[in-house]
Amino acid sequence: MAISLEALYTHAAALRSVELVRPRSVIGRSTVESIQSGVLYGFAGQVDGIVERILDEIGEATVIATGGLASLIVPHTRRVRIIEPWLALHGLRIVHERNHPKETT
């Protein structure tokens, strides 16, 4: 999302940088709110779309969001309800522990 906003700002001469926050409504009342709405709800729609396709293939599953912007997007998705910002780091810890078991004395 941040990269999309940066690209929009960089490549559209008349637009200024916009803070990535939830707009007051889906329908923007200004250019800034319209950009914020388009980015936030657009990405939430992308998440919903890919989750629905995955669930069509695998069946019902728990969907967990991770990453720095998950808490901004998840409230606007239809299928994601769990946020685990440290999921990747937890996984790396488990891999490390399995490959380097603690020695017992």
PDB file of N, CA and C in Angstrom:
ATOM      1  N   MET A   1       0.824  -1.189   0.000  1.00  0.00           N
ATOM      2  CA  MET A   1       0.000   0.000   0.000  1.00  0.00           C
ATOM      3  C   MET A   1       0.867   1.252   0.000  1.00  0.00           C
ATOM      4  N   ALA A   2       1.891   1.244   0.834  1.00  0.00           N
ATOM      5  CA  ALA A   2       2.762   2.414   0.914  1.00  0.00           C
ATOM      6  C   ALA A   2       3.476   2.645  -0.414  1.00  0.00           C
ATOM      7  N   ILE A   3       3.897   1.576  -1.062  1.00  0.00           N
ATOM      8  CA  ILE A   3       4.577   1.699  -2.349  1.00  0.00           C
ATOM      9  C   ILE A   3       3.615   2.237  -3.402  1.00  0.00           C
ATOM     10  N   SER A   4       2.370   1.802  -3.368  1.00  0.00           N
ATOM     11  CA  SER A   4       1.371   2.310  -4.312  1.00  0.00           C
ATOM     12  C   SER A   4       1.153   3.802  -4.118  1.00  0.00           C
ATOM     13  N   LEU A   5       1.051   4.227  -2.884  1.00  0.00           N
ATOM     14  CA  LEU A   5       0.897   5.660  -2.618  1.00  0.00           C
ATOM     15  C   LEU A   5       2.105   6.443  -3.097  1.00  0.00           C
ATOM     16  N   GLU A   6       3.282   5.916  -2.839  1.00  0.00           N
ATOM     17  CA  GLU A   6       4.512   6.596  -3.270  1.00  0.00           C
ATOM     18  C   GLU A   6       4.568   6.690  -4.792  1.00  0.00           C
ATOM     19  N   ALA A   7       4.214   5.608  -5.476  1.00  0.00           N
ATOM     20  CA  ALA A   7       4.225   5.610  -6.941  1.00  0.00           C
ATOM     21  C   ALA A   7       3.228   6.634  -7.481  1.00  0.00           C
ATOM     22  N   LEU A   8       2.055   6.703  -6.878  1.00  0.00           N
ATOM     23  CA  LEU A   8       1.047   7.665  -7.303  1.00  0.00           C
ATOM     24  C   LEU A   8       1.575   9.087  -7.151  1.00  0.00           C
ATOM     25  N   TYR A   9       2.165   9.373  -6.021  1.00  0.00           N
ATOM     26  CA  TYR A   9       2.716  10.703  -5.744  1.00  0.00           C
ATOM     27  C   TYR A   9       3.873  11.027  -6.690  1.00  0.00           C
ATOM     28  N   THR A  10       4.740  10.043  -6.919  1.00  0.00           N
ATOM     29  CA  THR A  10       5.931  10.251  -7.739  1.00  0.00           C
ATOM     30  C   THR A  10       5.583  10.453  -9.207  1.00  0.00           C
ATOM     31  N   HIS A  11       4.577   9.732  -9.696  1.00  0.00           N
ATOM     32  CA  HIS A  11       4.294   9.752 -11.128  1.00  0.00           C
ATOM     33  C   HIS A  11       3.120  10.623 -11.537  1.00  0.00           C
ATOM     34  N   ALA A  12       2.432  11.201 -10.607  1.00  0.00           N
ATOM     35  CA  ALA A  12       1.335  12.117 -10.932  1.00  0.00           C
ATOM     36  C   ALA A  12       1.732  13.512 -10.458  1.00  0.00           C
ATOM     37  N   ALA A  13       2.109  14.351 -11.372  1.00  0.00           N
ATOM     38  CA  ALA A  13       2.710  15.647 -11.048  1.00  0.00           C
ATOM     39  C   ALA A  13       1.838  16.531 -10.167  1.00  0.00           C
ATOM     40  N   ALA A  14       0.531  16.451 -10.320  1.00  0.00           N
ATOM     41  CA  ALA A  14      -0.352  17.361  -9.584  1.00  0.00           C
ATOM     42  C   ALA A  14      -0.722  16.865  -8.192  1.00  0.00           C
ATOM     43  N   LEU A  15      -0.288  15.663  -7.825  1.00  0.00           N
ATOM     44  CA  LEU A  15      -0.674  15.120  -6.521  1.00  0.00           C
ATOM     45  C   LEU A  15       0.451  15.262  -5.514  1.00  0.00           C
ATOM     46  N   ARG A  16       0.057  15.519  -4.278  1.00  0.00           N
ATOM     47  CA  ARG A  16       1.045  15.592  -3.208  1.00  0.00           C
ATOM     48  C   ARG A  16       1.023  14.294  -2.409  1.00  0.00           C
ATOM     49  N   SER A  17       2.008  14.129  -1.571  1.00  0.00           N
ATOM     50  CA  SER A  17       2.089  12.933  -0.738  1.00  0.00           C
ATOM     51  C   SER A  17       0.889  12.884   0.213  1.00  0.00           C
ATOM     52  N   VAL A  18       0.346  11.679   0.404  1.00  0.00           N
ATOM     53  CA  VAL A  18      -0.850  11.494   1.225  1.00  0.00           C
ATOM     54  C   VAL A  18      -0.531  10.516   2.344  1.00  0.00           C
ATOM     55  N   GLU A  19      -0.973  10.835   3.554  1.00  0.00           N
ATOM     56  CA  GLU A  19      -0.769   9.951   4.700  1.00  0.00           C
ATOM     57  C   GLU A  19      -1.699   8.742   4.585  1.00  0.00           C
ATOM     58  N   LEU A  20      -1.163   7.584   4.915  1.00  0.00           N
ATOM     59  CA  LEU A  20      -1.947   6.355   4.827  1.00  0.00           C
ATOM     60  C   LEU A  20      -2.743   6.170   6.114  1.00  0.00           C
ATOM     61  N   VAL A  21      -3.964   6.686   6.109  1.00  0.00           N
ATOM     62  CA  VAL A  21      -4.883   6.571   7.246  1.00  0.00           C
ATOM     63  C   VAL A  21      -6.275   6.271   6.703  1.00  0.00           C
ATOM     64  N   ARG A  22      -7.146   5.817   7.582  1.00  0.00           N
ATOM     65  CA  ARG A  22      -8.532   5.540   7.192  1.00  0.00           C
ATOM     66  C   ARG A  22      -9.242   6.862   6.910  1.00  0.00           C
ATOM     67  N   PRO A  23      -9.862   6.980   5.743  1.00  0.00           N
ATOM     68  CA  PRO A  23     -10.608   8.203   5.442  1.00  0.00           C
ATOM     69  C   PRO A  23     -11.936   8.234   6.197  1.00  0.00           C
ATOM     70  N   ARG A  24     -12.583   9.386   6.220  1.00  0.00           N
ATOM     71  CA  ARG A  24     -13.858   9.520   6.926  1.00  0.00           C
ATOM     72  C   ARG A  24     -14.946   8.642   6.331  1.00  0.00           C
ATOM     73  N   SER A  25     -14.904   8.426   5.023  1.00  0.00           N
ATOM     74  CA  SER A  25     -15.905   7.588   4.364  1.00  0.00           C
ATOM     75  C   SER A  25     -15.300   6.976   3.104  1.00  0.00           C
ATOM     76  N   VAL A  26     -16.012   6.032   2.522  1.00  0.00           N
ATOM     77  CA  VAL A  26     -15.543   5.410   1.283  1.00  0.00           C
ATOM     78  C   VAL A  26     -15.545   6.433   0.159  1.00  0.00           C
ATOM     79  N   ILE A  27     -16.554   7.279   0.143  1.00  0.00           N
ATOM     80  CA  ILE A  27     -16.642   8.324  -0.875  1.00  0.00           C
ATOM     81  C   ILE A  27     -15.843   9.523  -0.390  1.00  0.00           C
ATOM     82  N   GLY A  28     -14.718   9.777  -1.050  1.00  0.00           N
ATOM     83  CA  GLY A  28     -13.858  10.881  -0.645  1.00  0.00           C
ATOM     84  C   GLY A  28     -14.488  12.228  -0.917  1.00  0.00           C
ATOM     85  N   ARG A  29     -14.306  13.150   0.005  1.00  0.00           N
ATOM     86  CA  ARG A  29     -14.836  14.511  -0.153  1.00  0.00           C
ATOM     87  C   ARG A  29     -13.764  15.479  -0.649  1.00  0.00           C
ATOM     88  N   SER A  30     -12.546  14.956  -0.812  1.00  0.00           N
ATOM     89  CA  SER A  30     -11.424  15.750  -1.314  1.00  0.00           C
ATOM     90  C   SER A  30     -10.496  14.801  -2.058  1.00  0.00           C
ATOM     91  N   THR A  31      -9.514  15.360  -2.728  1.00  0.00           N
ATOM     92  CA  THR A  31      -8.538  14.527  -3.430  1.00  0.00           C
ATOM     93  C   THR A  31      -7.816  13.610  -2.453  1.00  0.00           C
ATOM     94  N   VAL A  32      -7.396  14.158  -1.318  1.00  0.00           N
ATOM     95  CA  VAL A  32      -6.667  13.371  -0.320  1.00  0.00           C
ATOM     96  C   VAL A  32      -7.520  12.221   0.179  1.00  0.00           C
ATOM     97  N   GLU A  33      -8.765  12.493   0.576  1.00  0.00           N
ATOM     98  CA  GLU A  33      -9.654  11.434   1.058  1.00  0.00           C
ATOM     99  C   GLU A  33      -9.960  10.411  -0.035  1.00  0.00           C
ATOM    100  N   SER A  34     -10.074  10.848  -1.265  1.00  0.00           N
ATOM    101  CA  SER A  34     -10.341   9.932  -2.370  1.00  0.00           C
ATOM    102  C   SER A  34      -9.165   8.992  -2.586  1.00  0.00           C
ATOM    103  N   ILE A  35      -7.961   9.510  -2.503  1.00  0.00           N
ATOM    104  CA  ILE A  35      -6.768   8.669  -2.639  1.00  0.00           C
ATOM    105  C   ILE A  35      -6.697   7.691  -1.473  1.00  0.00           C
ATOM    106  N   GLN A  36      -6.893   8.181  -0.265  1.00  0.00           N
ATOM    107  CA  GLN A  36      -6.862   7.308   0.913  1.00  0.00           C
ATOM    108  C   GLN A  36      -7.910   6.211   0.797  1.00  0.00           C
ATOM    109  N   SER A  37      -9.106   6.558   0.381  1.00  0.00           N
ATOM    110  CA  SER A  37     -10.180   5.586   0.236  1.00  0.00           C
ATOM    111  C   SER A  37      -9.846   4.570  -0.851  1.00  0.00           C
ATOM    112  N   GLY A  38      -9.369   5.037  -1.976  1.00  0.00           N
ATOM    113  CA  GLY A  38      -9.030   4.133  -3.065  1.00  0.00           C
ATOM    114  C   GLY A  38      -7.957   3.141  -2.677  1.00  0.00           C
ATOM    115  N   VAL A  39      -6.940   3.613  -1.978  1.00  0.00           N
ATOM    116  CA  VAL A  39      -5.855   2.725  -1.568  1.00  0.00           C
ATOM    117  C   VAL A  39      -6.341   1.744  -0.502  1.00  0.00           C
ATOM    118  N   LEU A  40      -6.950   2.231   0.558  1.00  0.00           N
ATOM    119  CA  LEU A  40      -7.373   1.364   1.656  1.00  0.00           C
ATOM    120  C   LEU A  40      -8.427   0.343   1.212  1.00  0.00           C
ATOM    121  N   TYR A  41      -9.517   0.815   0.632  1.00  0.00           N
ATOM    122  CA  TYR A  41     -10.587  -0.100   0.260  1.00  0.00           C
ATOM    123  C   TYR A  41     -10.225  -0.926  -0.975  1.00  0.00           C
ATOM    124  N   GLY A  42      -9.378  -0.391  -1.822  1.00  0.00           N
ATOM    125  CA  GLY A  42      -8.898  -1.166  -2.957  1.00  0.00           C
ATOM    126  C   GLY A  42      -8.065  -2.351  -2.516  1.00  0.00           C
ATOM    127  N   PHE A  43      -7.145  -2.129  -1.579  1.00  0.00           N
ATOM    128  CA  PHE A  43      -6.332  -3.238  -1.082  1.00  0.00           C
ATOM    129  C   PHE A  43      -7.167  -4.217  -0.253  1.00  0.00           C
ATOM    130  N   ALA A  44      -8.123  -3.711   0.517  1.00  0.00           N
ATOM    131  CA  ALA A  44      -9.014  -4.614   1.261  1.00  0.00           C
ATOM    132  C   ALA A  44      -9.786  -5.497   0.288  1.00  0.00           C
ATOM    133  N   GLY A  45     -10.232  -4.932  -0.823  1.00  0.00           N
ATOM    134  CA  GLY A  45     -10.925  -5.709  -1.845  1.00  0.00           C
ATOM    135  C   GLY A  45     -10.012  -6.754  -2.487  1.00  0.00           C
ATOM    136  N   GLN A  46      -8.747  -6.403  -2.686  1.00  0.00           N
ATOM    137  CA  GLN A  46      -7.795  -7.377  -3.222  1.00  0.00           C
ATOM    138  C   GLN A  46      -7.606  -8.538  -2.255  1.00  0.00           C
ATOM    139  N   VAL A  47      -7.485  -8.214  -0.973  1.00  0.00           N
ATOM    140  CA  VAL A  47      -7.329  -9.263   0.043  1.00  0.00           C
ATOM    141  C   VAL A  47      -8.551 -10.171   0.022  1.00  0.00           C
ATOM    142  N   ASP A  48      -9.746  -9.589   0.041  1.00  0.00           N
ATOM    143  CA  ASP A  48     -10.962 -10.398   0.006  1.00  0.00           C
ATOM    144  C   ASP A  48     -11.018 -11.266  -1.241  1.00  0.00           C
ATOM    145  N   GLY A  49     -10.637 -10.723  -2.371  1.00  0.00           N
ATOM    146  CA  GLY A  49     -10.680 -11.471  -3.617  1.00  0.00           C
ATOM    147  C   GLY A  49      -9.755 -12.676  -3.605  1.00  0.00           C
ATOM    148  N   ILE A  50      -8.527 -12.506  -3.164  1.00  0.00           N
ATOM    149  CA  ILE A  50      -7.584 -13.631  -3.152  1.00  0.00           C
ATOM    150  C   ILE A  50      -7.963 -14.652  -2.080  1.00  0.00           C
ATOM    151  N   VAL A  51      -8.438 -14.173  -0.927  1.00  0.00           N
ATOM    152  CA  VAL A  51      -8.867 -15.103   0.128  1.00  0.00           C
ATOM    153  C   VAL A  51     -10.035 -15.949  -0.372  1.00  0.00           C
ATOM    154  N   GLU A  52     -11.014 -15.356  -1.025  1.00  0.00           N
ATOM    155  CA  GLU A  52     -12.150 -16.115  -1.550  1.00  0.00           C
ATOM    156  C   GLU A  52     -11.693 -17.174  -2.545  1.00  0.00           C
ATOM    157  N   ARG A  53     -10.751 -16.837  -3.404  1.00  0.00           N
ATOM    158  CA  ARG A  53     -10.260 -17.806  -4.389  1.00  0.00           C
ATOM    159  C   ARG A  53      -9.509 -18.958  -3.706  1.00  0.00           C
ATOM    160  N   ILE A  54      -8.727 -18.635  -2.703  1.00  0.00           N
ATOM    161  CA  ILE A  54      -8.007 -19.682  -1.964  1.00  0.00           C
ATOM    162  C   ILE A  54      -8.992 -20.593  -1.250  1.00  0.00           C
ATOM    163  N   LEU A  55      -9.988 -19.997  -0.592  1.00  0.00           N
ATOM    164  CA  LEU A  55     -10.983 -20.802   0.116  1.00  0.00           C
ATOM    165  C   LEU A  55     -11.803 -21.669  -0.843  1.00  0.00           C
ATOM    166  N   ASP A  56     -12.040 -21.174  -2.060  1.00  0.00           N
ATOM    167  CA  ASP A  56     -12.722 -21.995  -3.066  1.00  0.00           C
ATOM    168  C   ASP A  56     -11.903 -23.246  -3.386  1.00  0.00           C
ATOM    169  N   GLU A  57     -10.577 -23.114  -3.347  1.00  0.00           N
ATOM    170  CA  GLU A  57      -9.715 -24.254  -3.667  1.00  0.00           C
ATOM    171  C   GLU A  57      -9.519 -25.206  -2.493  1.00  0.00           C
ATOM    172  N   ILE A  58      -9.362 -24.651  -1.281  1.00  0.00           N
ATOM    173  CA  ILE A  58      -8.985 -25.507  -0.147  1.00  0.00           C
ATOM    174  C   ILE A  58     -10.120 -25.765   0.835  1.00  0.00           C
ATOM    175  N   GLY A  59     -11.200 -25.015   0.737  1.00  0.00           N
ATOM    176  CA  GLY A  59     -12.285 -25.138   1.710  1.00  0.00           C
ATOM    177  C   GLY A  59     -12.107 -24.145   2.839  1.00  0.00           C
ATOM    178  N   GLU A  60     -12.970 -24.260   3.817  1.00  0.00           N
ATOM    179  CA  GLU A  60     -12.962 -23.320   4.943  1.00  0.00           C
ATOM    180  C   GLU A  60     -11.622 -23.339   5.667  1.00  0.00           C
ATOM    181  N   ALA A  61     -11.142 -22.180   6.070  1.00  0.00           N
ATOM    182  CA  ALA A  61      -9.867 -22.065   6.773  1.00  0.00           C
ATOM    183  C   ALA A  61      -9.858 -20.791   7.600  1.00  0.00           C
ATOM    184  N   THR A  62      -8.994 -20.762   8.595  1.00  0.00           N
ATOM    185  CA  THR A  62      -8.779 -19.555   9.378  1.00  0.00           C
ATOM    186  C   THR A  62      -7.816 -18.672   8.606  1.00  0.00           C
ATOM    187  N   VAL A  63      -8.168 -17.427   8.444  1.00  0.00           N
ATOM    188  CA  VAL A  63      -7.347 -16.483   7.687  1.00  0.00           C
ATOM    189  C   VAL A  63      -6.700 -15.522   8.678  1.00  0.00           C
ATOM    190  N   ILE A  64      -5.382 -15.446   8.630  1.00  0.00           N
ATOM    191  CA  ILE A  64      -4.624 -14.602   9.551  1.00  0.00           C
ATOM    192  C   ILE A  64      -3.858 -13.567   8.751  1.00  0.00           C
ATOM    193  N   ALA A  65      -3.964 -12.315   9.140  1.00  0.00           N
ATOM    194  CA  ALA A  65      -3.216 -11.238   8.499  1.00  0.00           C
ATOM    195  C   ALA A  65      -1.961 -10.950   9.302  1.00  0.00           C
ATOM    196  N   THR A  66      -0.899 -10.648   8.604  1.00  0.00           N
ATOM    197  CA  THR A  66       0.352 -10.308   9.254  1.00  0.00           C
ATOM    198  C   THR A  66       0.981  -9.129   8.528  1.00  0.00           C
ATOM    199  N   GLY A  67       1.891  -8.483   9.166  1.00  0.00           N
ATOM    200  CA  GLY A  67       2.562  -7.347   8.537  1.00  0.00           C
ATOM    201  C   GLY A  67       2.152  -6.033   9.164  1.00  0.00           C
ATOM    202  N   GLY A  68       2.911  -5.030   8.855  1.00  0.00           N
ATOM    203  CA  GLY A  68       2.752  -3.726   9.497  1.00  0.00           C
ATOM    204  C   GLY A  68       1.451  -3.006   9.222  1.00  0.00           C
ATOM    205  N   LEU A  69       0.844  -3.249   8.076  1.00  0.00           N
ATOM    206  CA  LEU A  69      -0.399  -2.539   7.743  1.00  0.00           C
ATOM    207  C   LEU A  69      -1.645  -3.389   7.928  1.00  0.00           C
ATOM    208  N   ALA A  70      -1.480  -4.586   8.460  1.00  0.00           N
ATOM    209  CA  ALA A  70      -2.622  -5.485   8.645  1.00  0.00           C
ATOM    210  C   ALA A  70      -3.710  -4.847   9.502  1.00  0.00           C
ATOM    211  N   SER A  71      -3.312  -4.166  10.550  1.00  0.00           N
ATOM    212  CA  SER A  71      -4.316  -3.582  11.457  1.00  0.00           C
ATOM    213  C   SER A  71      -5.118  -2.470  10.781  1.00  0.00           C
ATOM    214  N   LEU A  72      -4.580  -1.885   9.741  1.00  0.00           N
ATOM    215  CA  LEU A  72      -5.315  -0.853   8.999  1.00  0.00           C
ATOM    216  C   LEU A  72      -6.300  -1.481   8.015  1.00  0.00           C
ATOM    217  N   ILE A  73      -5.911  -2.600   7.406  1.00  0.00           N
ATOM    218  CA  ILE A  73      -6.725  -3.222   6.360  1.00  0.00           C
ATOM    219  C   ILE A  73      -7.796  -4.160   6.912  1.00  0.00           C
ATOM    220  N   VAL A  74      -7.446  -4.985   7.905  1.00  0.00           N
ATOM    221  CA  VAL A  74      -8.337  -6.054   8.379  1.00  0.00           C
ATOM    222  C   VAL A  74      -9.749  -5.575   8.738  1.00  0.00           C
ATOM    223  N   PRO A  75      -9.929  -4.444   9.401  1.00  0.00           N
ATOM    224  CA  PRO A  75     -11.307  -4.040   9.724  1.00  0.00           C
ATOM    225  C   PRO A  75     -12.181  -3.810   8.492  1.00  0.00           C
ATOM    226  N   HIS A  76     -11.576  -3.723   7.312  1.00  0.00           N
ATOM    227  CA  HIS A  76     -12.327  -3.440   6.093  1.00  0.00           C
ATOM    228  C   HIS A  76     -12.404  -4.638   5.157  1.00  0.00           C
ATOM    229  N   THR A  77     -11.986  -5.806   5.657  1.00  0.00           N
ATOM    230  CA  THR A  77     -12.103  -7.031   4.878  1.00  0.00           C
ATOM    231  C   THR A  77     -13.298  -7.828   5.368  1.00  0.00           C
ATOM    232  N   ARG A  78     -13.722  -8.783   4.568  1.00  0.00           N
ATOM    233  CA  ARG A  78     -14.881  -9.604   4.936  1.00  0.00           C
ATOM    234  C   ARG A  78     -14.500 -10.919   5.580  1.00  0.00           C
ATOM    235  N   ARG A  79     -13.283 -11.428   5.306  1.00  0.00           N
ATOM    236  CA  ARG A  79     -12.925 -12.770   5.755  1.00  0.00           C
ATOM    237  C   ARG A  79     -11.804 -12.817   6.782  1.00  0.00           C
ATOM    238  N   VAL A  80     -11.061 -11.739   6.941  1.00  0.00           N
ATOM    239  CA  VAL A  80      -9.921 -11.761   7.858  1.00  0.00           C
ATOM    240  C   VAL A  80     -10.348 -11.165   9.190  1.00  0.00           C
ATOM    241  N   ARG A  81     -10.122 -11.919  10.263  1.00  0.00           N
ATOM    242  CA  ARG A  81     -10.491 -11.431  11.597  1.00  0.00           C
ATOM    243  C   ARG A  81      -9.327 -11.492  12.583  1.00  0.00           C
ATOM    244  N   ILE A  82      -8.282 -12.207  12.234  1.00  0.00           N
ATOM    245  CA  ILE A  82      -7.152 -12.384  13.149  1.00  0.00           C
ATOM    246  C   ILE A  82      -5.946 -11.643  12.595  1.00  0.00           C
ATOM    247  N   ILE A  83      -5.299 -10.889  13.465  1.00  0.00           N
ATOM    248  CA  ILE A  83      -4.064 -10.190  13.098  1.00  0.00           C
ATOM    249  C   ILE A  83      -2.949 -10.738  13.982  1.00  0.00           C
ATOM    250  N   GLU A  84      -1.866 -11.177  13.360  1.00  0.00           N
ATOM    251  CA  GLU A  84      -0.680 -11.648  14.088  1.00  0.00           C
ATOM    252  C   GLU A  84       0.529 -10.971  13.459  1.00  0.00           C
ATOM    253  N   PRO A  85       0.904  -9.791  13.973  1.00  0.00           N
ATOM    254  CA  PRO A  85       1.972  -9.014  13.341  1.00  0.00           C
ATOM    255  C   PRO A  85       3.348  -9.679  13.361  1.00  0.00           C
ATOM    256  N   TRP A  86       3.555 -10.632  14.233  1.00  0.00           N
ATOM    257  CA  TRP A  86       4.878 -11.248  14.357  1.00  0.00           C
ATOM    258  C   TRP A  86       4.909 -12.675  13.826  1.00  0.00           C
ATOM    259  N   LEU A  87       3.955 -13.052  12.988  1.00  0.00           N
ATOM    260  CA  LEU A  87       3.852 -14.422  12.504  1.00  0.00           C
ATOM    261  C   LEU A  87       5.131 -14.904  11.819  1.00  0.00           C
ATOM    262  N   ALA A  88       5.699 -14.117  10.957  1.00  0.00           N
ATOM    263  CA  ALA A  88       6.921 -14.526  10.249  1.00  0.00           C
ATOM    264  C   ALA A  88       8.074 -14.736  11.225  1.00  0.00           C
ATOM    265  N   LEU A  89       8.202 -13.864  12.200  1.00  0.00           N
ATOM    266  CA  LEU A  89       9.282 -14.012  13.179  1.00  0.00           C
ATOM    267  C   LEU A  89       9.070 -15.230  14.067  1.00  0.00           C
ATOM    268  N   HIS A  90       7.823 -15.513  14.435  1.00  0.00           N
ATOM    269  CA  HIS A  90       7.541 -16.736  15.204  1.00  0.00           C
ATOM    270  C   HIS A  90       7.944 -17.965  14.399  1.00  0.00           C
ATOM    271  N   GLY A  91       7.620 -17.964  13.124  1.00  0.00           N
ATOM    272  CA  GLY A  91       7.984 -19.082  12.268  1.00  0.00           C
ATOM    273  C   GLY A  91       9.489 -19.250  12.156  1.00  0.00           C
ATOM    274  N   LEU A  92      10.210 -18.161  12.015  1.00  0.00           N
ATOM    275  CA  LEU A  92      11.670 -18.236  11.949  1.00  0.00           C
ATOM    276  C   LEU A  92      12.260 -18.772  13.248  1.00  0.00           C
ATOM    277  N   ARG A  93      11.677 -18.367  14.382  1.00  0.00           N
ATOM    278  CA  ARG A  93      12.141 -18.880  15.675  1.00  0.00           C
ATOM    279  C   ARG A  93      11.952 -20.388  15.754  1.00  0.00           C
ATOM    280  N   ILE A  94      10.799 -20.868  15.314  1.00  0.00           N
ATOM    281  CA  ILE A  94      10.521 -22.308  15.344  1.00  0.00           C
ATOM    282  C   ILE A  94      11.505 -23.061  14.453  1.00  0.00           C
ATOM    283  N   VAL A  95      11.767 -22.540  13.270  1.00  0.00           N
ATOM    284  CA  VAL A  95      12.730 -23.186  12.367  1.00  0.00           C
ATOM    285  C   VAL A  95      14.107 -23.227  13.021  1.00  0.00           C
ATOM    286  N   HIS A  96      14.509 -22.139  13.629  1.00  0.00           N
ATOM    287  CA  HIS A  96      15.811 -22.099  14.307  1.00  0.00           C
ATOM    288  C   HIS A  96      15.870 -23.119  15.439  1.00  0.00           C
ATOM    289  N   GLU A  97      14.835 -23.159  16.267  1.00  0.00           N
ATOM    290  CA  GLU A  97      14.821 -24.087  17.395  1.00  0.00           C
ATOM    291  C   GLU A  97      14.856 -25.549  16.929  1.00  0.00           C
ATOM    292  N   ARG A  98      14.206 -25.857  15.837  1.00  0.00           N
ATOM    293  CA  ARG A  98      14.206 -27.226  15.321  1.00  0.00           C
ATOM    294  C   ARG A  98      15.574 -27.610  14.738  1.00  0.00           C
ATOM    295  N   ASN A  99      16.282 -26.632  14.225  1.00  0.00           N
ATOM    296  CA  ASN A  99      17.589 -26.900  13.629  1.00  0.00           C
ATOM    297  C   ASN A  99      18.746 -26.751  14.616  1.00  0.00           C
ATOM    298  N   HIS A 100      18.484 -26.147  15.739  1.00  0.00           N
ATOM    299  CA  HIS A 100      19.513 -25.955  16.776  1.00  0.00           C
ATOM    300  C   HIS A 100      18.906 -26.266  18.148  1.00  0.00           C
ATOM    301  N   PRO A 101      18.584 -27.541  18.389  1.00  0.00           N
ATOM    302  CA  PRO A 101      17.959 -27.887  19.678  1.00  0.00           C
ATOM    303  C   PRO A 101      18.888 -27.538  20.837  1.00  0.00           C
ATOM    304  N   LYS A 102      18.276 -27.144  21.923  1.00  0.00           N
ATOM    305  CA  LYS A 102      19.054 -26.805  23.127  1.00  0.00           C
ATOM    306  C   LYS A 102      19.674 -28.067  23.684  1.00  0.00           C
ATOM    307  N   GLU A 103      20.916 -27.950  24.087  1.00  0.00           N
ATOM    308  CA  GLU A 103      21.589 -29.090  24.702  1.00  0.00           C
ATOM    309  C   GLU A 103      21.148 -29.197  26.147  1.00  0.00           C
ATOM    310  N   THR A 104      20.872 -30.409  26.587  1.00  0.00           N
ATOM    311  CA  THR A 104      20.493 -30.624  27.986  1.00  0.00           C
ATOM    312  C   THR A 104      21.715 -31.054  28.762  1.00  0.00           C
ATOM    313  N   THR A 105      21.820 -30.603  29.976  1.00  0.00           N
ATOM    314  CA  THR A 105      22.976 -30.950  30.832  1.00  0.00           C
ATOM    315  C   THR A 105      22.587 -31.877  31.935  1.00  0.00           C
TER     316      THR A 105
END
